[in-house]
Amino acid sequence: MRNATDAAQEMVENLTLVRNKVRQEQITKELLDITGGVEAMNT
């Protein structure tokens, strides 16, 4: 039973890392879009 618990915890940790990476990529894309829009307005 301990192995199953450890495996489940490891899976949760891995999925959390994947979720955070995807979220950070989305945030970065939005910031780049905003920055690009501001630069376009200033030229």
PDB file of N, CA and C in Angstrom:
ATOM      1  N   MET A   1       0.821  -1.197   0.000  1.00  0.00           N
ATOM      2  CA  MET A   1       0.000   0.000   0.000  1.00  0.00           C
ATOM      3  C   MET A   1       0.867   1.265   0.000  1.00  0.00           C
ATOM      4  N   ARG A   2       1.991   1.186   0.659  1.00  0.00           N
ATOM      5  CA  ARG A   2       2.902   2.334   0.721  1.00  0.00           C
ATOM      6  C   ARG A   2       3.416   2.692  -0.679  1.00  0.00           C
ATOM      7  N   ASN A   3       3.717   1.677  -1.481  1.00  0.00           N
ATOM      8  CA  ASN A   3       4.206   1.932  -2.843  1.00  0.00           C
ATOM      9  C   ASN A   3       3.163   2.659  -3.678  1.00  0.00           C
ATOM     10  N   ALA A   4       1.906   2.272  -3.524  1.00  0.00           N
ATOM     11  CA  ALA A   4       0.834   2.925  -4.280  1.00  0.00           C
ATOM     12  C   ALA A   4       0.699   4.383  -3.857  1.00  0.00           C
ATOM     13  N   THR A   5       0.808   4.638  -2.574  1.00  0.00           N
ATOM     14  CA  THR A   5       0.727   6.008  -2.068  1.00  0.00           C
ATOM     15  C   THR A   5       1.886   6.843  -2.590  1.00  0.00           C
ATOM     16  N   ASP A   6       3.077   6.276  -2.547  1.00  0.00           N
ATOM     17  CA  ASP A   6       4.250   6.990  -3.054  1.00  0.00           C
ATOM     18  C   ASP A   6       4.124   7.264  -4.551  1.00  0.00           C
ATOM     19  N   ALA A   7       3.647   6.277  -5.295  1.00  0.00           N
ATOM     20  CA  ALA A   7       3.482   6.444  -6.740  1.00  0.00           C
ATOM     21  C   ALA A   7       2.439   7.516  -7.042  1.00  0.00           C
ATOM     22  N   ALA A   8       1.358   7.520  -6.281  1.00  0.00           N
ATOM     23  CA  ALA A   8       0.314   8.524  -6.483  1.00  0.00           C
ATOM     24  C   ALA A   8       0.842   9.919  -6.167  1.00  0.00           C
ATOM     25  N   GLN A   9       1.612  10.039  -5.102  1.00  0.00           N
ATOM     26  CA  GLN A   9       2.185  11.336  -4.736  1.00  0.00           C
ATOM     27  C   GLN A   9       3.146  11.830  -5.814  1.00  0.00           C
ATOM     28  N   GLU A  10       3.949  10.930  -6.345  1.00  0.00           N
ATOM     29  CA  GLU A  10       4.875  11.297  -7.415  1.00  0.00           C
ATOM     30  C   GLU A  10       4.110  11.740  -8.662  1.00  0.00           C
ATOM     31  N   MET A  11       3.014  11.062  -8.959  1.00  0.00           N
ATOM     32  CA  MET A  11       2.202  11.426 -10.120  1.00  0.00           C
ATOM     33  C   MET A  11       1.597  12.819  -9.925  1.00  0.00           C
ATOM     34  N   VAL A  12       1.119  13.096  -8.729  1.00  0.00           N
ATOM     35  CA  VAL A  12       0.558  14.417  -8.437  1.00  0.00           C
ATOM     36  C   VAL A  12       1.627  15.494  -8.610  1.00  0.00           C
ATOM     37  N   GLU A  13       2.813  15.233  -8.104  1.00  0.00           N
ATOM     38  CA  GLU A  13       3.903  16.201  -8.236  1.00  0.00           C
ATOM     39  C   GLU A  13       4.254  16.441  -9.701  1.00  0.00           C
ATOM     40  N   ASN A  14       4.327  15.379 -10.489  1.00  0.00           N
ATOM     41  CA  ASN A  14       4.646  15.518 -11.913  1.00  0.00           C
ATOM     42  C   ASN A  14       3.559  16.283 -12.658  1.00  0.00           C
ATOM     43  N   LEU A  15       2.302  15.977 -12.365  1.00  0.00           N
ATOM     44  CA  LEU A  15       1.203  16.671 -13.033  1.00  0.00           C
ATOM     45  C   LEU A  15       1.155  18.139 -12.629  1.00  0.00           C
ATOM     46  N   THR A  16       1.491  18.422 -11.389  1.00  0.00           N
ATOM     47  CA  THR A  16       1.541  19.808 -10.929  1.00  0.00           C
ATOM     48  C   THR A  16       2.614  20.577 -11.686  1.00  0.00           C
ATOM     49  N   LEU A  17       3.767  19.958 -11.887  1.00  0.00           N
ATOM     50  CA  LEU A  17       4.832  20.606 -12.652  1.00  0.00           C
ATOM     51  C   LEU A  17       4.398  20.872 -14.090  1.00  0.00           C
ATOM     52  N   VAL A  18       3.729  19.905 -14.701  1.00  0.00           N
ATOM     53  CA  VAL A  18       3.250  20.075 -16.078  1.00  0.00           C
ATOM     54  C   VAL A  18       2.227  21.206 -16.142  1.00  0.00           C
ATOM     55  N   ARG A  19       1.298  21.224 -15.197  1.00  0.00           N
ATOM     56  CA  ARG A  19       0.278  22.279 -15.167  1.00  0.00           C
ATOM     57  C   ARG A  19       0.928  23.649 -15.017  1.00  0.00           C
ATOM     58  N   ASN A  20       1.891  23.753 -14.118  1.00  0.00           N
ATOM     59  CA  ASN A  20       2.560  25.034 -13.904  1.00  0.00           C
ATOM     60  C   ASN A  20       3.331  25.482 -15.140  1.00  0.00           C
ATOM     61  N   LYS A  21       3.960  24.541 -15.827  1.00  0.00           N
ATOM     62  CA  LYS A  21       4.710  24.882 -17.039  1.00  0.00           C
ATOM     63  C   LYS A  21       3.771  25.394 -18.127  1.00  0.00           C
ATOM     64  N   VAL A  22       2.647  24.721 -18.319  1.00  0.00           N
ATOM     65  CA  VAL A  22       1.672  25.150 -19.327  1.00  0.00           C
ATOM     66  C   VAL A  22       1.119  26.523 -18.967  1.00  0.00           C
ATOM     67  N   ARG A  23       0.817  26.721 -17.694  1.00  0.00           N
ATOM     68  CA  ARG A  23       0.294  28.015 -17.240  1.00  0.00           C
ATOM     69  C   ARG A  23       1.319  29.120 -17.485  1.00  0.00           C
ATOM     70  N   GLN A  24       2.583  28.851 -17.169  1.00  0.00           N
ATOM     71  CA  GLN A  24       3.623  29.853 -17.375  1.00  0.00           C
ATOM     72  C   GLN A  24       3.791  30.172 -18.854  1.00  0.00           C
ATOM     73  N   GLU A  25       3.688  29.168 -19.711  1.00  0.00           N
ATOM     74  CA  GLU A  25       3.778  29.403 -21.156  1.00  0.00           C
ATOM     75  C   GLU A  25       2.636  30.295 -21.627  1.00  0.00           C
ATOM     76  N   GLN A  26       1.431  30.082 -21.091  1.00  0.00           N
ATOM     77  CA  GLN A  26       0.288  30.910 -21.467  1.00  0.00           C
ATOM     78  C   GLN A  26       0.484  32.349 -21.004  1.00  0.00           C
ATOM     79  N   ILE A  27       0.987  32.520 -19.793  1.00  0.00           N
ATOM     80  CA  ILE A  27       1.234  33.860 -19.266  1.00  0.00           C
ATOM     81  C   ILE A  27       2.284  34.572 -20.113  1.00  0.00           C
ATOM     82  N   THR A  28       3.350  33.864 -20.445  1.00  0.00           N
ATOM     83  CA  THR A  28       4.412  34.450 -21.263  1.00  0.00           C
ATOM     84  C   THR A  28       3.869  34.877 -22.620  1.00  0.00           C
ATOM     85  N   LYS A  29       3.036  34.037 -23.234  1.00  0.00           N
ATOM     86  CA  LYS A  29       2.451  34.376 -24.536  1.00  0.00           C
ATOM     87  C   LYS A  29       1.591  35.634 -24.434  1.00  0.00           C
ATOM     88  N   GLU A  30       0.783  35.725 -23.383  1.00  0.00           N
ATOM     89  CA  GLU A  30      -0.058  36.906 -23.208  1.00  0.00           C
ATOM     90  C   GLU A  30       0.786  38.161 -23.021  1.00  0.00           C
ATOM     91  N   LEU A  31       1.853  38.051 -22.231  1.00  0.00           N
ATOM     92  CA  LEU A  31       2.728  39.208 -22.030  1.00  0.00           C
ATOM     93  C   LEU A  31       3.399  39.637 -23.330  1.00  0.00           C
ATOM     94  N   LEU A  32       3.813  38.667 -24.139  1.00  0.00           N
ATOM     95  CA  LEU A  32       4.413  38.999 -25.434  1.00  0.00           C
ATOM     96  C   LEU A  32       3.396  39.674 -26.351  1.00  0.00           C
ATOM     97  N   ASP A  33       2.143  39.209 -26.319  1.00  0.00           N
ATOM     98  CA  ASP A  33       1.093  39.835 -27.124  1.00  0.00           C
ATOM     99  C   ASP A  33       0.863  41.278 -26.682  1.00  0.00           C
ATOM    100  N   ILE A  34       0.817  41.492 -25.373  1.00  0.00           N
ATOM    101  CA  ILE A  34       0.601  42.841 -24.838  1.00  0.00           C
ATOM    102  C   ILE A  34       1.772  43.745 -25.209  1.00  0.00           C
ATOM    103  N   THR A  35       2.983  43.244 -25.016  1.00  0.00           N
ATOM    104  CA  THR A  35       4.180  44.024 -25.340  1.00  0.00           C
ATOM    105  C   THR A  35       4.211  44.372 -26.822  1.00  0.00           C
ATOM    106  N   GLY A  36       3.874  43.410 -27.663  1.00  0.00           N
ATOM    107  CA  GLY A  36       3.840  43.663 -29.099  1.00  0.00           C
ATOM    108  C   GLY A  36       2.813  44.716 -29.461  1.00  0.00           C
ATOM    109  N   GLY A  37       1.667  44.673 -28.807  1.00  0.00           N
ATOM    110  CA  GLY A  37       0.637  45.672 -29.062  1.00  0.00           C
ATOM    111  C   GLY A  37       1.067  47.065 -28.652  1.00  0.00           C
ATOM    112  N   VAL A  38       1.719  47.163 -27.511  1.00  0.00           N
ATOM    113  CA  VAL A  38       2.204  48.463 -27.040  1.00  0.00           C
ATOM    114  C   VAL A  38       3.269  49.002 -27.990  1.00  0.00           C
ATOM    115  N   GLU A  39       4.172  48.144 -28.414  1.00  0.00           N
ATOM    116  CA  GLU A  39       5.215  48.579 -29.351  1.00  0.00           C
ATOM    117  C   GLU A  39       4.603  49.038 -30.669  1.00  0.00           C
ATOM    118  N   ALA A  40       3.584  48.346 -31.135  1.00  0.00           N
ATOM    119  CA  ALA A  40       2.933  48.730 -32.388  1.00  0.00           C
ATOM    120  C   ALA A  40       2.249  50.092 -32.251  1.00  0.00           C
ATOM    121  N   MET A  41       1.693  50.361 -31.083  1.00  0.00           N
ATOM    122  CA  MET A  41       1.023  51.644 -30.859  1.00  0.00           C
ATOM    123  C   MET A  41       2.025  52.798 -30.772  1.00  0.00           C
ATOM    124  N   ASN A  42       3.238  52.503 -30.346  1.00  0.00           N
ATOM    125  CA  ASN A  42       4.243  53.550 -30.152  1.00  0.00           C
ATOM    126  C   ASN A  42       5.066  53.846 -31.402  1.00  0.00           C
ATOM    127  N   THR A  43       4.816  53.120 -32.469  1.00  0.00           N
ATOM    128  CA  THR A  43       5.612  53.376 -33.680  1.00  0.00           C
ATOM    129  C   THR A  43       4.801  54.088 -34.724  1.00  0.00           C
TER     130      THR A  43
END
